[in-house]
Amino acid sequence: MSVEAVAQFLERVNQDTALQQELAQAVESSAPGEDRVAAAEIGAKYGYSFTPDEIGETMEAAQKQQSGEELSEEELEAVAGGFCTPAIVVAGIGAAGAITGGVASRATW
């Protein structure tokens, strides 16, 4: 799993308001259930290599972590290394905190 690429991408999203808006727009305009694909395509556009499933798994694990649910070993790996809830800002992007607000409310991570 390309956890590092997902984490790096989400960190960049967290720091770049134009990218936050671009990602939010891509997720909003994607077909139902295609938000992961849209996020992976935006990531690829900026040089990050990860699959739709990889970003989805990372976001789901981060959502669980934020909600206080117990994580599996795989989920712990997905959010380890300072990932925390990095892109917690596409208006508030990240996972459960990382893609709350703007994107998460419309995403099906």
N, C-alpha and C. Protein backbone atom coordinates (compact mmCIF):
# COMPACT_ATOMS: atom_id res chain seq x y z
N MET A 1 0.83 -1.18 0.00
CA MET A 1 0.00 0.00 0.00
C MET A 1 0.88 1.24 0.00
N SER A 2 0.51 2.19 -0.74
CA SER A 2 1.29 3.41 -0.88
C SER A 2 0.87 4.44 0.18
N VAL A 3 1.00 4.04 1.42
CA VAL A 3 0.59 4.90 2.53
C VAL A 3 1.33 6.23 2.49
N GLU A 4 2.61 6.16 2.18
CA GLU A 4 3.41 7.39 2.17
C GLU A 4 2.89 8.37 1.13
N ALA A 5 2.57 7.86 -0.07
CA ALA A 5 2.07 8.75 -1.13
C ALA A 5 0.75 9.38 -0.74
N VAL A 6 -0.14 8.60 -0.13
CA VAL A 6 -1.43 9.14 0.31
C VAL A 6 -1.19 10.21 1.38
N ALA A 7 -0.35 9.90 2.36
CA ALA A 7 -0.08 10.85 3.44
C ALA A 7 0.56 12.13 2.91
N GLN A 8 1.49 11.99 1.98
CA GLN A 8 2.14 13.17 1.40
C GLN A 8 1.14 14.01 0.61
N PHE A 9 0.28 13.33 -0.14
CA PHE A 9 -0.74 14.05 -0.90
C PHE A 9 -1.69 14.80 0.03
N LEU A 10 -2.17 14.12 1.06
CA LEU A 10 -3.10 14.76 1.99
C LEU A 10 -2.44 15.92 2.73
N GLU A 11 -1.15 15.78 3.03
CA GLU A 11 -0.44 16.88 3.68
C GLU A 11 -0.37 18.08 2.74
N ARG A 12 -0.09 17.80 1.46
CA ARG A 12 -0.05 18.90 0.49
C ARG A 12 -1.42 19.55 0.35
N VAL A 13 -2.47 18.72 0.34
CA VAL A 13 -3.83 19.26 0.25
C VAL A 13 -4.09 20.17 1.44
N ASN A 14 -3.66 19.73 2.60
CA ASN A 14 -3.87 20.51 3.83
C ASN A 14 -3.22 21.88 3.75
N GLN A 15 -2.13 21.99 3.02
CA GLN A 15 -1.36 23.23 2.97
C GLN A 15 -1.67 24.10 1.75
N ASP A 16 -2.46 23.59 0.81
CA ASP A 16 -2.68 24.29 -0.45
C ASP A 16 -4.18 24.50 -0.68
N THR A 17 -4.64 25.71 -0.46
CA THR A 17 -6.08 25.97 -0.56
C THR A 17 -6.61 25.79 -1.98
N ALA A 18 -5.80 26.09 -2.99
CA ALA A 18 -6.23 25.87 -4.38
C ALA A 18 -6.43 24.38 -4.64
N LEU A 19 -5.53 23.57 -4.12
CA LEU A 19 -5.65 22.12 -4.28
C LEU A 19 -6.85 21.60 -3.48
N GLN A 20 -7.10 22.16 -2.33
CA GLN A 20 -8.28 21.79 -1.55
C GLN A 20 -9.53 22.01 -2.37
N GLN A 21 -9.62 23.17 -2.99
CA GLN A 21 -10.79 23.49 -3.80
C GLN A 21 -10.90 22.57 -5.01
N GLU A 22 -9.78 22.30 -5.65
CA GLU A 22 -9.78 21.41 -6.82
C GLU A 22 -10.24 20.01 -6.43
N LEU A 23 -9.74 19.51 -5.31
CA LEU A 23 -10.14 18.18 -4.84
C LEU A 23 -11.61 18.16 -4.44
N ALA A 24 -12.04 19.18 -3.73
CA ALA A 24 -13.44 19.25 -3.32
C ALA A 24 -14.35 19.27 -4.54
N GLN A 25 -13.99 20.05 -5.54
CA GLN A 25 -14.80 20.13 -6.75
C GLN A 25 -14.82 18.79 -7.48
N ALA A 26 -13.68 18.11 -7.56
CA ALA A 26 -13.61 16.80 -8.23
C ALA A 26 -14.47 15.78 -7.50
N VAL A 27 -14.43 15.79 -6.18
CA VAL A 27 -15.22 14.84 -5.40
C VAL A 27 -16.71 15.16 -5.55
N GLU A 28 -17.06 16.44 -5.48
CA GLU A 28 -18.46 16.86 -5.60
C GLU A 28 -19.05 16.49 -6.95
N SER A 29 -18.25 16.63 -8.00
CA SER A 29 -18.77 16.38 -9.35
C SER A 29 -18.63 14.93 -9.79
N SER A 30 -18.02 14.09 -8.97
CA SER A 30 -17.85 12.69 -9.34
C SER A 30 -19.17 11.93 -9.19
N ALA A 31 -19.29 10.87 -9.95
CA ALA A 31 -20.47 10.01 -9.85
C ALA A 31 -20.49 9.37 -8.48
N PRO A 32 -21.67 8.99 -8.00
CA PRO A 32 -21.74 8.33 -6.69
C PRO A 32 -20.80 7.13 -6.63
N GLY A 33 -20.01 7.09 -5.55
CA GLY A 33 -19.06 6.00 -5.36
C GLY A 33 -17.75 6.17 -6.11
N GLU A 34 -17.60 7.26 -6.84
CA GLU A 34 -16.38 7.48 -7.62
C GLU A 34 -15.46 8.54 -7.01
N ASP A 35 -15.74 8.94 -5.77
CA ASP A 35 -14.94 9.99 -5.14
C ASP A 35 -13.49 9.55 -4.93
N ARG A 36 -13.29 8.26 -4.64
CA ARG A 36 -11.92 7.75 -4.47
C ARG A 36 -11.14 7.86 -5.77
N VAL A 37 -11.80 7.53 -6.87
CA VAL A 37 -11.17 7.62 -8.19
C VAL A 37 -10.79 9.07 -8.48
N ALA A 38 -11.71 9.98 -8.19
CA ALA A 38 -11.44 11.40 -8.41
C ALA A 38 -10.24 11.86 -7.59
N ALA A 39 -10.17 11.44 -6.33
CA ALA A 39 -9.05 11.83 -5.47
C ALA A 39 -7.73 11.24 -5.99
N ALA A 40 -7.75 9.99 -6.44
CA ALA A 40 -6.53 9.36 -6.98
C ALA A 40 -6.08 10.06 -8.26
N GLU A 41 -7.04 10.48 -9.08
CA GLU A 41 -6.69 11.18 -10.31
C GLU A 41 -6.07 12.55 -10.01
N ILE A 42 -6.62 13.25 -9.04
CA ILE A 42 -6.03 14.54 -8.65
C ILE A 42 -4.62 14.30 -8.09
N GLY A 43 -4.47 13.27 -7.25
CA GLY A 43 -3.15 12.94 -6.72
C GLY A 43 -2.15 12.67 -7.83
N ALA A 44 -2.56 11.88 -8.83
CA ALA A 44 -1.67 11.54 -9.95
C ALA A 44 -1.28 12.79 -10.72
N LYS A 45 -2.21 13.70 -10.86
CA LYS A 45 -1.95 14.97 -11.56
C LYS A 45 -0.80 15.73 -10.91
N TYR A 46 -0.67 15.58 -9.59
CA TYR A 46 0.38 16.28 -8.84
C TYR A 46 1.57 15.38 -8.51
N GLY A 47 1.63 14.20 -9.14
CA GLY A 47 2.81 13.34 -8.99
C GLY A 47 2.75 12.32 -7.87
N TYR A 48 1.58 12.09 -7.29
CA TYR A 48 1.44 11.12 -6.21
C TYR A 48 0.82 9.85 -6.77
N SER A 49 1.43 8.72 -6.47
CA SER A 49 0.97 7.45 -7.02
C SER A 49 0.31 6.59 -5.95
N PHE A 50 -1.01 6.52 -6.00
CA PHE A 50 -1.77 5.66 -5.10
C PHE A 50 -3.07 5.30 -5.80
N THR A 51 -3.66 4.21 -5.37
CA THR A 51 -4.90 3.75 -5.99
C THR A 51 -6.10 4.33 -5.26
N PRO A 52 -7.26 4.28 -5.90
CA PRO A 52 -8.47 4.72 -5.21
C PRO A 52 -8.70 3.94 -3.91
N ASP A 53 -8.43 2.65 -3.94
CA ASP A 53 -8.60 1.85 -2.73
C ASP A 53 -7.64 2.28 -1.63
N GLU A 54 -6.42 2.63 -2.00
CA GLU A 54 -5.44 3.04 -0.99
C GLU A 54 -5.85 4.33 -0.29
N ILE A 55 -6.34 5.29 -1.03
CA ILE A 55 -6.77 6.53 -0.35
C ILE A 55 -8.03 6.25 0.46
N GLY A 56 -8.91 5.41 -0.05
CA GLY A 56 -10.11 5.08 0.70
C GLY A 56 -9.81 4.37 2.00
N GLU A 57 -8.91 3.39 1.96
CA GLU A 57 -8.53 2.66 3.17
C GLU A 57 -7.86 3.60 4.19
N THR A 58 -7.02 4.49 3.70
CA THR A 58 -6.34 5.43 4.58
C THR A 58 -7.35 6.37 5.24
N MET A 59 -8.28 6.86 4.46
CA MET A 59 -9.28 7.77 4.99
C MET A 59 -10.20 7.06 6.00
N GLU A 60 -10.61 5.84 5.68
CA GLU A 60 -11.46 5.08 6.59
C GLU A 60 -10.75 4.82 7.92
N ALA A 61 -9.46 4.47 7.83
CA ALA A 61 -8.69 4.21 9.05
C ALA A 61 -8.56 5.48 9.88
N ALA A 62 -8.33 6.60 9.22
CA ALA A 62 -8.21 7.87 9.95
C ALA A 62 -9.54 8.26 10.59
N GLN A 63 -10.63 7.98 9.90
CA GLN A 63 -11.96 8.26 10.47
C GLN A 63 -12.18 7.42 11.73
N LYS A 64 -11.81 6.14 11.65
CA LYS A 64 -11.94 5.28 12.83
C LYS A 64 -11.08 5.79 13.97
N GLN A 65 -9.85 6.17 13.64
CA GLN A 65 -8.93 6.66 14.65
C GLN A 65 -9.52 7.88 15.34
N GLN A 66 -10.04 8.79 14.57
CA GLN A 66 -10.58 10.02 15.16
C GLN A 66 -11.81 9.73 16.01
N SER A 67 -12.60 8.73 15.61
CA SER A 67 -13.81 8.43 16.37
C SER A 67 -13.51 7.59 17.61
N GLY A 68 -12.26 7.15 17.76
CA GLY A 68 -11.88 6.38 18.93
C GLY A 68 -12.11 4.89 18.80
N GLU A 69 -12.51 4.43 17.61
CA GLU A 69 -12.68 2.99 17.40
C GLU A 69 -11.32 2.31 17.38
N GLU A 70 -11.31 1.05 17.76
CA GLU A 70 -10.07 0.29 17.74
C GLU A 70 -9.69 -0.03 16.30
N LEU A 71 -8.40 0.14 15.98
CA LEU A 71 -7.91 -0.08 14.63
C LEU A 71 -7.22 -1.43 14.50
N SER A 72 -7.34 -2.03 13.31
CA SER A 72 -6.61 -3.26 13.02
C SER A 72 -5.15 -2.89 12.74
N GLU A 73 -4.29 -3.89 12.62
CA GLU A 73 -2.88 -3.61 12.31
C GLU A 73 -2.75 -2.87 10.98
N GLU A 74 -3.51 -3.28 9.97
CA GLU A 74 -3.47 -2.61 8.67
C GLU A 74 -3.90 -1.16 8.79
N GLU A 75 -4.95 -0.92 9.55
CA GLU A 75 -5.43 0.43 9.73
C GLU A 75 -4.43 1.29 10.48
N LEU A 76 -3.79 0.70 11.48
CA LEU A 76 -2.76 1.44 12.20
C LEU A 76 -1.63 1.84 11.27
N GLU A 77 -1.25 0.93 10.38
CA GLU A 77 -0.18 1.21 9.42
C GLU A 77 -0.59 2.36 8.50
N ALA A 78 -1.87 2.38 8.13
CA ALA A 78 -2.35 3.41 7.22
C ALA A 78 -2.29 4.81 7.82
N VAL A 79 -2.41 4.92 9.11
CA VAL A 79 -2.41 6.25 9.72
C VAL A 79 -1.15 6.54 10.52
N ALA A 80 -0.20 5.64 10.51
CA ALA A 80 1.03 5.80 11.29
C ALA A 80 1.96 6.82 10.65
N GLY A 81 2.95 7.23 11.40
CA GLY A 81 3.99 8.08 10.86
C GLY A 81 3.61 9.54 10.78
N GLY A 82 2.82 9.99 11.71
CA GLY A 82 2.49 11.40 11.72
C GLY A 82 1.35 11.78 10.81
N PHE A 83 0.73 10.82 10.16
CA PHE A 83 -0.39 11.13 9.26
C PHE A 83 -1.50 11.80 10.03
N CYS A 84 -1.81 11.25 11.17
CA CYS A 84 -2.81 11.86 12.03
C CYS A 84 -4.05 12.16 11.23
N THR A 85 -4.34 13.38 11.11
CA THR A 85 -5.43 13.82 10.25
C THR A 85 -4.92 15.02 9.49
N PRO A 86 -3.94 14.80 8.62
CA PRO A 86 -3.26 15.90 7.98
C PRO A 86 -4.13 16.79 7.13
N ALA A 87 -4.78 16.26 6.18
CA ALA A 87 -5.52 17.12 5.28
C ALA A 87 -6.83 17.48 5.90
N ILE A 88 -6.83 17.69 7.14
CA ILE A 88 -8.06 17.93 7.87
C ILE A 88 -8.63 19.27 7.52
N VAL A 89 -8.40 19.68 6.33
CA VAL A 89 -8.91 21.00 6.08
C VAL A 89 -9.62 21.27 4.78
N VAL A 90 -9.90 20.51 3.88
CA VAL A 90 -10.58 20.96 2.66
C VAL A 90 -11.80 21.70 3.14
N ALA A 91 -11.65 22.52 3.95
CA ALA A 91 -12.68 23.33 4.58
C ALA A 91 -12.79 22.79 5.95
N GLY A 92 -12.07 22.50 6.34
CA GLY A 92 -12.18 22.25 7.75
C GLY A 92 -11.44 21.23 8.28
N ILE A 93 -9.46 18.89 4.55
CA ILE A 93 -9.65 17.57 4.03
C ILE A 93 -8.78 16.64 4.81
N GLY A 94 -9.07 15.67 5.05
CA GLY A 94 -8.32 14.62 5.67
C GLY A 94 -9.29 13.52 5.93
N ALA A 95 -9.17 12.75 6.85
CA ALA A 95 -10.04 11.62 7.04
C ALA A 95 -10.79 11.80 8.33
N ALA A 96 -12.04 11.76 8.26
CA ALA A 96 -12.93 12.01 9.39
C ALA A 96 -12.60 13.32 10.02
N GLY A 97 -11.54 13.75 9.90
CA GLY A 97 -11.11 15.06 10.26
C GLY A 97 -10.30 15.45 9.07
N ALA A 98 -9.76 14.48 8.42
CA ALA A 98 -8.97 14.74 7.25
C ALA A 98 -9.85 15.06 6.06
N ILE A 99 -11.00 14.57 5.97
CA ILE A 99 -11.87 15.00 4.89
C ILE A 99 -13.23 15.26 5.49
N THR A 100 -13.27 15.87 6.56
CA THR A 100 -14.53 16.27 7.16
C THR A 100 -14.98 17.50 6.42
N GLY A 101 -15.83 18.19 6.97
CA GLY A 101 -16.22 19.44 6.37
C GLY A 101 -16.48 19.32 4.89
N GLY A 102 -15.82 20.13 4.12
CA GLY A 102 -16.05 20.25 2.71
C GLY A 102 -16.16 18.97 1.92
N VAL A 103 -15.14 18.14 1.92
CA VAL A 103 -15.13 16.97 1.05
C VAL A 103 -15.73 15.75 1.70
N ALA A 104 -15.40 15.50 2.93
CA ALA A 104 -15.84 14.26 3.57
C ALA A 104 -17.34 14.12 3.62
N SER A 105 -18.02 15.20 3.77
CA SER A 105 -19.46 15.10 3.86
C SER A 105 -20.07 14.57 2.58
N ARG A 106 -19.35 14.71 1.47
CA ARG A 106 -19.85 14.21 0.20
C ARG A 106 -19.13 12.95 -0.24
N ALA A 107 -18.00 12.64 0.36
CA ALA A 107 -17.21 11.48 -0.05
C ALA A 107 -17.72 10.21 0.63
N THR A 108 -17.45 9.09 -0.01
CA THR A 108 -17.86 7.80 0.55
C THR A 108 -16.67 6.97 0.97
N TRP A 109 -15.65 7.63 1.44
CA TRP A 109 -14.40 6.96 1.78
C TRP A 109 -14.70 5.64 2.39
